[in-house]
N, C-alpha and C. Protein backbone atom coordinates (compact mmCIF):
# COMPACT_ATOMS: atom_id res chain seq x y z
N MET A 1 66.72 -96.10 -95.68
CA MET A 1 67.67 -95.61 -94.74
C MET A 1 67.06 -95.64 -93.35
N THR A 2 67.89 -96.02 -92.50
CA THR A 2 67.40 -96.17 -91.14
C THR A 2 67.64 -94.87 -90.38
N ALA A 3 67.06 -94.82 -89.24
CA ALA A 3 67.19 -93.61 -88.41
C ALA A 3 68.62 -93.39 -87.97
N GLY A 4 69.35 -94.42 -87.71
CA GLY A 4 70.73 -94.29 -87.28
C GLY A 4 71.61 -93.74 -88.39
N GLU A 5 71.31 -94.24 -89.64
CA GLU A 5 72.09 -93.76 -90.78
C GLU A 5 71.78 -92.28 -91.04
N LEU A 6 70.50 -91.92 -90.88
CA LEU A 6 70.09 -90.54 -91.08
C LEU A 6 70.79 -89.61 -90.09
N VAL A 7 70.90 -90.04 -88.86
CA VAL A 7 71.56 -89.24 -87.83
C VAL A 7 73.03 -89.08 -88.20
N ILE A 8 73.65 -90.15 -88.70
CA ILE A 8 75.06 -90.09 -89.05
C ILE A 8 75.25 -89.14 -90.23
N VAL A 9 74.37 -89.19 -91.24
CA VAL A 9 74.48 -88.33 -92.40
C VAL A 9 74.29 -86.86 -91.98
N LEU A 10 73.30 -86.60 -91.14
CA LEU A 10 73.07 -85.23 -90.65
C LEU A 10 74.26 -84.73 -89.82
N ALA A 11 74.80 -85.57 -89.01
CA ALA A 11 75.96 -85.18 -88.19
C ALA A 11 77.14 -84.88 -89.08
N ALA A 12 77.36 -85.69 -90.13
CA ALA A 12 78.47 -85.45 -91.06
C ALA A 12 78.25 -84.14 -91.80
N LEU A 13 76.98 -83.91 -92.23
CA LEU A 13 76.66 -82.68 -92.93
C LEU A 13 76.87 -81.47 -92.03
N LEU A 14 76.45 -81.55 -90.80
CA LEU A 14 76.66 -80.46 -89.83
C LEU A 14 78.15 -80.25 -89.57
N CYS A 15 78.90 -81.29 -89.46
CA CYS A 15 80.36 -81.16 -89.25
C CYS A 15 81.01 -80.50 -90.47
N ALA A 16 80.58 -80.85 -91.67
CA ALA A 16 81.14 -80.25 -92.90
C ALA A 16 80.81 -78.75 -92.93
N ILE A 17 79.56 -78.41 -92.59
CA ILE A 17 79.17 -77.00 -92.56
C ILE A 17 79.99 -76.27 -91.48
N GLY A 18 80.19 -76.88 -90.32
CA GLY A 18 80.97 -76.29 -89.24
C GLY A 18 82.42 -76.07 -89.65
N PHE A 19 82.98 -77.09 -90.33
CA PHE A 19 84.36 -76.94 -90.80
C PHE A 19 84.47 -75.84 -91.85
N ALA A 20 83.48 -75.73 -92.73
CA ALA A 20 83.48 -74.68 -93.75
C ALA A 20 83.41 -73.31 -93.08
N ALA A 21 82.55 -73.18 -92.08
CA ALA A 21 82.46 -71.91 -91.35
C ALA A 21 83.78 -71.61 -90.64
N LEU A 22 84.37 -72.62 -90.07
CA LEU A 22 85.65 -72.45 -89.38
C LEU A 22 86.73 -72.03 -90.36
N VAL A 23 86.74 -72.59 -91.54
CA VAL A 23 87.71 -72.22 -92.57
C VAL A 23 87.50 -70.77 -92.98
N VAL A 24 86.24 -70.34 -93.14
CA VAL A 24 85.95 -68.96 -93.51
C VAL A 24 86.43 -68.01 -92.41
N VAL A 25 86.15 -68.34 -91.16
CA VAL A 25 86.58 -67.50 -90.03
C VAL A 25 88.10 -67.43 -89.96
N LEU A 26 88.76 -68.55 -90.13
CA LEU A 26 90.23 -68.57 -90.08
C LEU A 26 90.83 -67.78 -91.24
N MET A 27 90.18 -67.79 -92.42
CA MET A 27 90.67 -67.00 -93.55
C MET A 27 90.54 -65.49 -93.23
N ARG A 28 89.44 -65.11 -92.62
CA ARG A 28 89.26 -63.70 -92.23
C ARG A 28 90.31 -63.29 -91.18
N VAL A 29 90.60 -64.17 -90.22
CA VAL A 29 91.62 -63.88 -89.21
C VAL A 29 92.98 -63.75 -89.88
N LEU A 30 93.26 -64.63 -90.84
CA LEU A 30 94.53 -64.56 -91.55
C LEU A 30 94.64 -63.25 -92.33
N ASP A 31 93.57 -62.80 -92.99
CA ASP A 31 93.58 -61.51 -93.70
C ASP A 31 93.82 -60.36 -92.73
N MET A 32 93.17 -60.41 -91.58
CA MET A 32 93.35 -59.35 -90.58
C MET A 32 94.79 -59.34 -90.06
N LEU A 33 95.37 -60.49 -89.83
CA LEU A 33 96.77 -60.55 -89.38
C LEU A 33 97.71 -59.99 -90.44
N ARG A 34 97.43 -60.27 -91.71
CA ARG A 34 98.24 -59.75 -92.79
C ARG A 34 98.15 -58.21 -92.82
N ASP A 35 96.92 -57.69 -92.71
CA ASP A 35 96.74 -56.23 -92.67
C ASP A 35 97.45 -55.62 -91.46
N LEU A 36 97.37 -56.31 -90.34
CA LEU A 36 98.04 -55.82 -89.13
C LEU A 36 99.56 -55.78 -89.31
N ARG A 37 100.12 -56.77 -89.98
CA ARG A 37 101.55 -56.76 -90.27
C ARG A 37 101.95 -55.57 -91.12
N TYR A 38 101.15 -55.27 -92.14
CA TYR A 38 101.44 -54.11 -92.99
C TYR A 38 101.37 -52.81 -92.19
N GLU A 39 100.39 -52.71 -91.33
CA GLU A 39 100.25 -51.50 -90.51
C GLU A 39 101.43 -51.34 -89.55
N VAL A 40 101.85 -52.45 -88.95
CA VAL A 40 103.00 -52.40 -88.05
C VAL A 40 104.26 -52.01 -88.82
N ALA A 41 104.43 -52.53 -90.02
CA ALA A 41 105.59 -52.17 -90.84
C ALA A 41 105.55 -50.68 -91.20
N ASP A 42 104.37 -50.15 -91.55
CA ASP A 42 104.24 -48.72 -91.84
C ASP A 42 104.54 -47.88 -90.60
N LEU A 43 104.04 -48.33 -89.47
CA LEU A 43 104.28 -47.62 -88.22
C LEU A 43 105.77 -47.58 -87.89
N ARG A 44 106.44 -48.68 -88.08
CA ARG A 44 107.89 -48.71 -87.85
C ARG A 44 108.62 -47.76 -88.80
N ALA A 45 108.19 -47.78 -90.06
CA ALA A 45 108.85 -46.91 -91.05
C ALA A 45 108.66 -45.44 -90.69
N GLU A 46 107.50 -45.08 -90.14
CA GLU A 46 107.25 -43.69 -89.76
C GLU A 46 107.93 -43.30 -88.46
N THR A 47 108.02 -44.24 -87.53
CA THR A 47 108.55 -43.89 -86.21
C THR A 47 110.08 -43.94 -86.14
N ARG A 48 110.73 -44.69 -86.99
CA ARG A 48 112.20 -44.75 -86.93
C ARG A 48 112.84 -43.38 -87.12
N PRO A 49 112.44 -42.58 -88.13
CA PRO A 49 113.04 -41.23 -88.24
C PRO A 49 112.70 -40.35 -87.03
N LEU A 50 111.49 -40.50 -86.50
CA LEU A 50 111.10 -39.72 -85.34
C LEU A 50 111.94 -40.08 -84.12
N ILE A 51 112.19 -41.36 -83.94
CA ILE A 51 113.01 -41.80 -82.81
C ILE A 51 114.45 -41.32 -82.99
N ALA A 52 114.96 -41.38 -84.22
CA ALA A 52 116.32 -40.88 -84.46
C ALA A 52 116.40 -39.39 -84.18
N GLU A 53 115.38 -38.64 -84.61
CA GLU A 53 115.35 -37.20 -84.35
C GLU A 53 115.23 -36.92 -82.85
N LEU A 54 114.45 -37.73 -82.16
CA LEU A 54 114.31 -37.58 -80.71
C LEU A 54 115.65 -37.84 -80.02
N ARG A 55 116.39 -38.82 -80.47
CA ARG A 55 117.72 -39.08 -79.88
C ARG A 55 118.66 -37.91 -80.12
N GLU A 56 118.64 -37.35 -81.34
CA GLU A 56 119.50 -36.20 -81.63
C GLU A 56 119.12 -35.01 -80.74
N THR A 57 117.83 -34.78 -80.61
CA THR A 57 117.37 -33.67 -79.78
C THR A 57 117.76 -33.88 -78.32
N THR A 58 117.66 -35.11 -77.86
CA THR A 58 118.05 -35.43 -76.48
C THR A 58 119.55 -35.20 -76.28
N ASP A 59 120.35 -35.60 -77.26
CA ASP A 59 121.79 -35.37 -77.16
C ASP A 59 122.11 -33.88 -77.16
N GLU A 60 121.42 -33.11 -78.01
CA GLU A 60 121.63 -31.67 -78.03
C GLU A 60 121.22 -31.04 -76.70
N ALA A 61 120.09 -31.49 -76.16
CA ALA A 61 119.62 -30.96 -74.87
C ALA A 61 120.62 -31.30 -73.77
N ARG A 62 121.17 -32.51 -73.80
CA ARG A 62 122.15 -32.91 -72.79
C ARG A 62 123.39 -32.02 -72.88
N THR A 63 123.84 -31.75 -74.12
CA THR A 63 125.00 -30.88 -74.32
C THR A 63 124.70 -29.47 -73.81
N THR A 64 123.51 -28.96 -74.12
CA THR A 64 123.13 -27.62 -73.68
C THR A 64 123.06 -27.54 -72.16
N VAL A 65 122.51 -28.58 -71.53
CA VAL A 65 122.43 -28.60 -70.07
C VAL A 65 123.82 -28.64 -69.45
N ASP A 66 124.72 -29.43 -70.04
CA ASP A 66 126.09 -29.49 -69.53
C ASP A 66 126.78 -28.13 -69.66
N GLU A 67 126.58 -27.45 -70.79
CA GLU A 67 127.17 -26.12 -70.96
C GLU A 67 126.58 -25.14 -69.96
N ALA A 68 125.26 -25.22 -69.77
CA ALA A 68 124.61 -24.32 -68.81
C ALA A 68 125.12 -24.58 -67.40
N ARG A 69 125.34 -25.86 -67.07
CA ARG A 69 125.85 -26.20 -65.75
C ARG A 69 127.25 -25.63 -65.54
N SER A 70 128.11 -25.74 -66.56
CA SER A 70 129.47 -25.20 -66.42
C SER A 70 129.42 -23.67 -66.35
N ASP A 71 128.54 -23.05 -67.15
CA ASP A 71 128.40 -21.59 -67.06
C ASP A 71 127.90 -21.17 -65.69
N LEU A 72 126.98 -21.93 -65.14
CA LEU A 72 126.44 -21.62 -63.81
C LEU A 72 127.52 -21.75 -62.75
N GLU A 73 128.36 -22.77 -62.87
CA GLU A 73 129.46 -22.93 -61.91
C GLU A 73 130.44 -21.75 -62.01
N ARG A 74 130.75 -21.33 -63.26
CA ARG A 74 131.63 -20.17 -63.43
C ARG A 74 130.99 -18.91 -62.86
N PHE A 75 129.70 -18.73 -63.11
CA PHE A 75 128.99 -17.57 -62.58
C PHE A 75 128.98 -17.60 -61.06
N ASP A 76 128.85 -18.78 -60.49
CA ASP A 76 128.86 -18.90 -59.03
C ASP A 76 130.22 -18.47 -58.46
N ARG A 77 131.30 -18.88 -59.15
CA ARG A 77 132.63 -18.46 -58.70
C ARG A 77 132.79 -16.94 -58.82
N VAL A 78 132.31 -16.38 -59.95
CA VAL A 78 132.41 -14.93 -60.15
C VAL A 78 131.58 -14.20 -59.10
N LEU A 79 130.39 -14.71 -58.82
CA LEU A 79 129.53 -14.09 -57.82
C LEU A 79 130.17 -14.14 -56.44
N GLY A 80 130.83 -15.26 -56.12
CA GLY A 80 131.54 -15.34 -54.84
C GLY A 80 132.65 -14.32 -54.75
N SER A 81 133.39 -14.17 -55.84
CA SER A 81 134.45 -13.15 -55.86
C SER A 81 133.87 -11.75 -55.73
N ALA A 82 132.77 -11.50 -56.43
CA ALA A 82 132.14 -10.18 -56.36
C ALA A 82 131.64 -9.90 -54.95
N GLU A 83 131.10 -10.92 -54.28
CA GLU A 83 130.64 -10.72 -52.91
C GLU A 83 131.81 -10.39 -51.98
N ALA A 84 132.92 -11.10 -52.17
CA ALA A 84 134.09 -10.83 -51.34
C ALA A 84 134.61 -9.41 -51.58
N ILE A 85 134.65 -9.01 -52.84
CA ILE A 85 135.09 -7.64 -53.16
C ILE A 85 134.11 -6.64 -52.59
N GLY A 86 132.82 -6.93 -52.74
CA GLY A 86 131.79 -6.03 -52.21
C GLY A 86 131.89 -5.87 -50.72
N ASP A 87 132.14 -6.98 -50.00
CA ASP A 87 132.30 -6.88 -48.55
C ASP A 87 133.51 -6.03 -48.18
N ALA A 88 134.61 -6.23 -48.93
CA ALA A 88 135.81 -5.45 -48.63
C ALA A 88 135.60 -3.97 -48.94
N VAL A 89 134.94 -3.68 -50.05
CA VAL A 89 134.74 -2.29 -50.44
C VAL A 89 133.70 -1.61 -49.55
N SER A 90 132.69 -2.36 -49.13
CA SER A 90 131.62 -1.73 -48.34
C SER A 90 132.16 -1.19 -47.02
N GLY A 91 133.15 -1.87 -46.44
CA GLY A 91 133.77 -1.36 -45.22
C GLY A 91 134.47 -0.03 -45.47
N ARG A 92 135.18 0.04 -46.57
CA ARG A 92 135.88 1.29 -46.92
C ARG A 92 134.88 2.39 -47.24
N VAL A 93 133.85 2.05 -47.98
CA VAL A 93 132.85 3.04 -48.36
C VAL A 93 132.14 3.56 -47.12
N ALA A 94 131.81 2.66 -46.21
CA ALA A 94 131.14 3.10 -44.97
C ALA A 94 132.05 4.02 -44.18
N ARG A 95 133.33 3.67 -44.08
CA ARG A 95 134.27 4.54 -43.35
C ARG A 95 134.35 5.90 -44.01
N THR A 96 134.45 5.89 -45.36
CA THR A 96 134.55 7.16 -46.08
C THR A 96 133.27 7.97 -45.95
N ALA A 97 132.14 7.29 -46.05
CA ALA A 97 130.85 8.00 -45.99
C ALA A 97 130.59 8.58 -44.61
N PHE A 98 130.98 7.86 -43.56
CA PHE A 98 130.68 8.33 -42.21
C PHE A 98 131.79 9.20 -41.62
N SER A 99 133.00 9.12 -42.18
CA SER A 99 134.09 9.88 -41.57
C SER A 99 133.88 11.39 -41.74
N ALA A 100 133.44 11.85 -42.90
CA ALA A 100 133.25 13.29 -43.11
C ALA A 100 132.20 13.86 -42.16
N PRO A 101 131.01 13.26 -42.02
CA PRO A 101 130.04 13.81 -41.07
C PRO A 101 130.52 13.74 -39.62
N VAL A 102 131.24 12.67 -39.29
CA VAL A 102 131.74 12.54 -37.92
C VAL A 102 132.77 13.63 -37.64
N ILE A 103 133.66 13.89 -38.61
CA ILE A 103 134.66 14.95 -38.43
C ILE A 103 133.97 16.29 -38.29
N LYS A 104 132.95 16.53 -39.10
CA LYS A 104 132.22 17.80 -39.02
C LYS A 104 131.51 17.93 -37.68
N ALA A 105 130.88 16.85 -37.23
CA ALA A 105 130.18 16.90 -35.93
C ALA A 105 131.17 17.12 -34.80
N THR A 106 132.33 16.46 -34.89
CA THR A 106 133.35 16.65 -33.86
C THR A 106 133.85 18.09 -33.86
N GLY A 107 134.10 18.63 -35.04
CA GLY A 107 134.54 20.02 -35.14
C GLY A 107 133.50 20.98 -34.61
N PHE A 108 132.24 20.71 -34.92
CA PHE A 108 131.16 21.56 -34.43
C PHE A 108 131.08 21.50 -32.90
N ALA A 109 131.20 20.27 -32.35
CA ALA A 109 131.16 20.12 -30.89
C ALA A 109 132.34 20.85 -30.24
N LYS A 110 133.52 20.73 -30.84
CA LYS A 110 134.71 21.38 -30.30
C LYS A 110 134.55 22.90 -30.35
N GLY A 111 134.07 23.40 -31.49
CA GLY A 111 133.86 24.84 -31.62
C GLY A 111 132.82 25.35 -30.63
N THR A 112 131.76 24.58 -30.45
CA THR A 112 130.71 24.97 -29.51
C THR A 112 131.26 25.01 -28.09
N SER A 113 132.04 23.99 -27.73
CA SER A 113 132.60 23.95 -26.37
C SER A 113 133.56 25.13 -26.16
N ARG A 114 134.33 25.49 -27.18
CA ARG A 114 135.23 26.64 -27.06
C ARG A 114 134.45 27.94 -26.89
N ALA A 115 133.36 28.02 -27.67
CA ALA A 115 132.54 29.23 -27.56
C ALA A 115 131.96 29.36 -26.15
N PHE A 116 131.50 28.27 -25.59
CA PHE A 116 130.98 28.31 -24.22
C PHE A 116 132.08 28.66 -23.23
N LEU A 117 133.28 28.10 -23.45
CA LEU A 117 134.40 28.43 -22.56
C LEU A 117 134.72 29.92 -22.61
N ARG A 118 134.72 30.51 -23.81
CA ARG A 118 135.02 31.93 -23.93
C ARG A 118 133.93 32.78 -23.29
N LEU A 119 132.66 32.33 -23.51
CA LEU A 119 131.56 33.09 -22.92
C LEU A 119 131.62 33.04 -21.39
N ARG A 120 132.06 31.96 -20.84
CA ARG A 120 132.17 31.81 -19.38
C ARG A 120 133.42 32.48 -18.86
N GLY A 121 134.33 32.71 -19.76
CA GLY A 121 135.56 33.35 -19.32
C GLY A 121 136.65 32.34 -19.01
N GLY A 122 136.51 31.12 -19.47
CA GLY A 122 137.53 30.09 -19.22
C GLY A 122 138.65 30.20 -20.22
N SER A 123 139.71 29.45 -20.00
CA SER A 123 140.86 29.51 -20.90
C SER A 123 140.72 28.42 -21.96
N ILE A 124 141.23 28.74 -23.14
CA ILE A 124 141.22 27.81 -24.26
C ILE A 124 142.58 27.13 -24.29
N PRO A 125 142.65 25.82 -24.54
CA PRO A 125 143.94 25.15 -24.58
C PRO A 125 144.84 25.76 -25.64
N SER A 126 146.13 25.78 -25.37
CA SER A 126 147.09 26.40 -26.28
C SER A 126 147.30 25.54 -27.51
N ASP A 127 148.00 26.14 -28.50
CA ASP A 127 148.26 25.43 -29.75
C ASP A 127 149.17 24.24 -29.51
N ARG A 128 150.11 24.35 -28.58
CA ARG A 128 151.02 23.23 -28.30
C ARG A 128 150.25 22.02 -27.78
N SER A 129 149.33 22.23 -26.87
CA SER A 129 148.59 21.10 -26.32
C SER A 129 147.68 20.48 -27.39
N ARG A 130 147.14 21.33 -28.28
CA ARG A 130 146.31 20.79 -29.37
C ARG A 130 147.16 19.98 -30.33
N ARG A 131 148.35 20.47 -30.68
CA ARG A 131 149.23 19.73 -31.58
C ARG A 131 149.64 18.39 -30.97
N ALA A 132 149.95 18.40 -29.71
CA ALA A 132 150.35 17.16 -29.03
C ALA A 132 149.19 16.16 -29.06
N ALA A 133 147.97 16.64 -28.82
CA ALA A 133 146.81 15.75 -28.85
C ALA A 133 146.60 15.20 -30.25
N LEU A 134 146.79 16.03 -31.29
CA LEU A 134 146.63 15.57 -32.66
C LEU A 134 147.69 14.53 -33.02
N GLU A 135 148.93 14.74 -32.56
CA GLU A 135 150.00 13.79 -32.86
C GLU A 135 149.72 12.45 -32.18
N VAL A 136 149.23 12.47 -30.95
CA VAL A 136 148.91 11.22 -30.25
C VAL A 136 147.79 10.50 -30.98
N GLY A 137 146.78 11.23 -31.43
CA GLY A 137 145.66 10.61 -32.17
C GLY A 137 146.11 10.02 -33.49
N ALA A 138 147.00 10.73 -34.21
CA ALA A 138 147.50 10.24 -35.49
C ALA A 138 148.34 8.98 -35.28
N GLU A 139 149.15 8.97 -34.24
CA GLU A 139 149.99 7.79 -33.95
C GLU A 139 149.12 6.58 -33.63
N SER A 140 148.10 6.78 -32.82
CA SER A 140 147.23 5.65 -32.46
C SER A 140 146.46 5.16 -33.68
N GLU A 141 146.10 6.08 -34.58
CA GLU A 141 145.40 5.67 -35.79
C GLU A 141 146.32 4.85 -36.69
N ARG A 142 147.58 5.24 -36.82
CA ARG A 142 148.55 4.48 -37.62
C ARG A 142 148.73 3.08 -37.05
N ARG A 143 148.81 2.97 -35.75
CA ARG A 143 148.96 1.65 -35.11
C ARG A 143 147.73 0.80 -35.38
N GLY A 144 146.57 1.39 -35.32
CA GLY A 144 145.32 0.66 -35.57
C GLY A 144 145.25 0.15 -37.00
N ARG A 145 145.69 0.96 -37.97
CA ARG A 145 145.70 0.54 -39.38
C ARG A 145 146.69 -0.59 -39.58
N GLY A 146 147.82 -0.51 -38.95
CA GLY A 146 148.83 -1.56 -39.09
C GLY A 146 148.31 -2.89 -38.58
N ARG A 147 147.57 -2.86 -37.48
CA ARG A 147 146.98 -4.09 -36.95
C ARG A 147 145.92 -4.64 -37.87
N ARG A 148 145.15 -3.79 -38.49
CA ARG A 148 144.10 -4.25 -39.40
C ARG A 148 144.68 -4.91 -40.64
N ARG A 149 145.80 -4.41 -41.12
CA ARG A 149 146.39 -5.01 -42.30
C ARG A 149 146.90 -6.40 -42.02
N HIS A 150 147.42 -6.63 -40.83
CA HIS A 150 148.00 -7.94 -40.52
C HIS A 150 146.95 -8.95 -40.15
N SER A 151 145.79 -8.52 -39.76
CA SER A 151 144.77 -9.49 -39.35
C SER A 151 143.92 -9.95 -40.49
């Protein structure tokens, strides 16, 4: 055998060994791909019920949020009505709360002024003039209430 033939035989032998190694590597890759397919199939089988449950939960949450939003809108309307009523009532309550002390203070001031007038020797207005003053005050108060109702 010549040197050229020996080189050709060695090259063929090396190529055969290389192809055998390549076949072994490709078989291992094929086994790994097969295992990977099984794992992906198992993963899909496990995740499908979870995804379905997640969708149901999301739908329930969406329904709950919509109900909460409508309840909040109703509460907002009720709160607006309550504020309007509160504003209307607070004016009346303030008038009622302050009217009694103001009347008492006015009466006290009037009584004090009369006492000073008597001590000085001055004259006290007659009952007729007091009644006339009260009637004028009552009339003006009625007119004021009538204007408030119309405005």
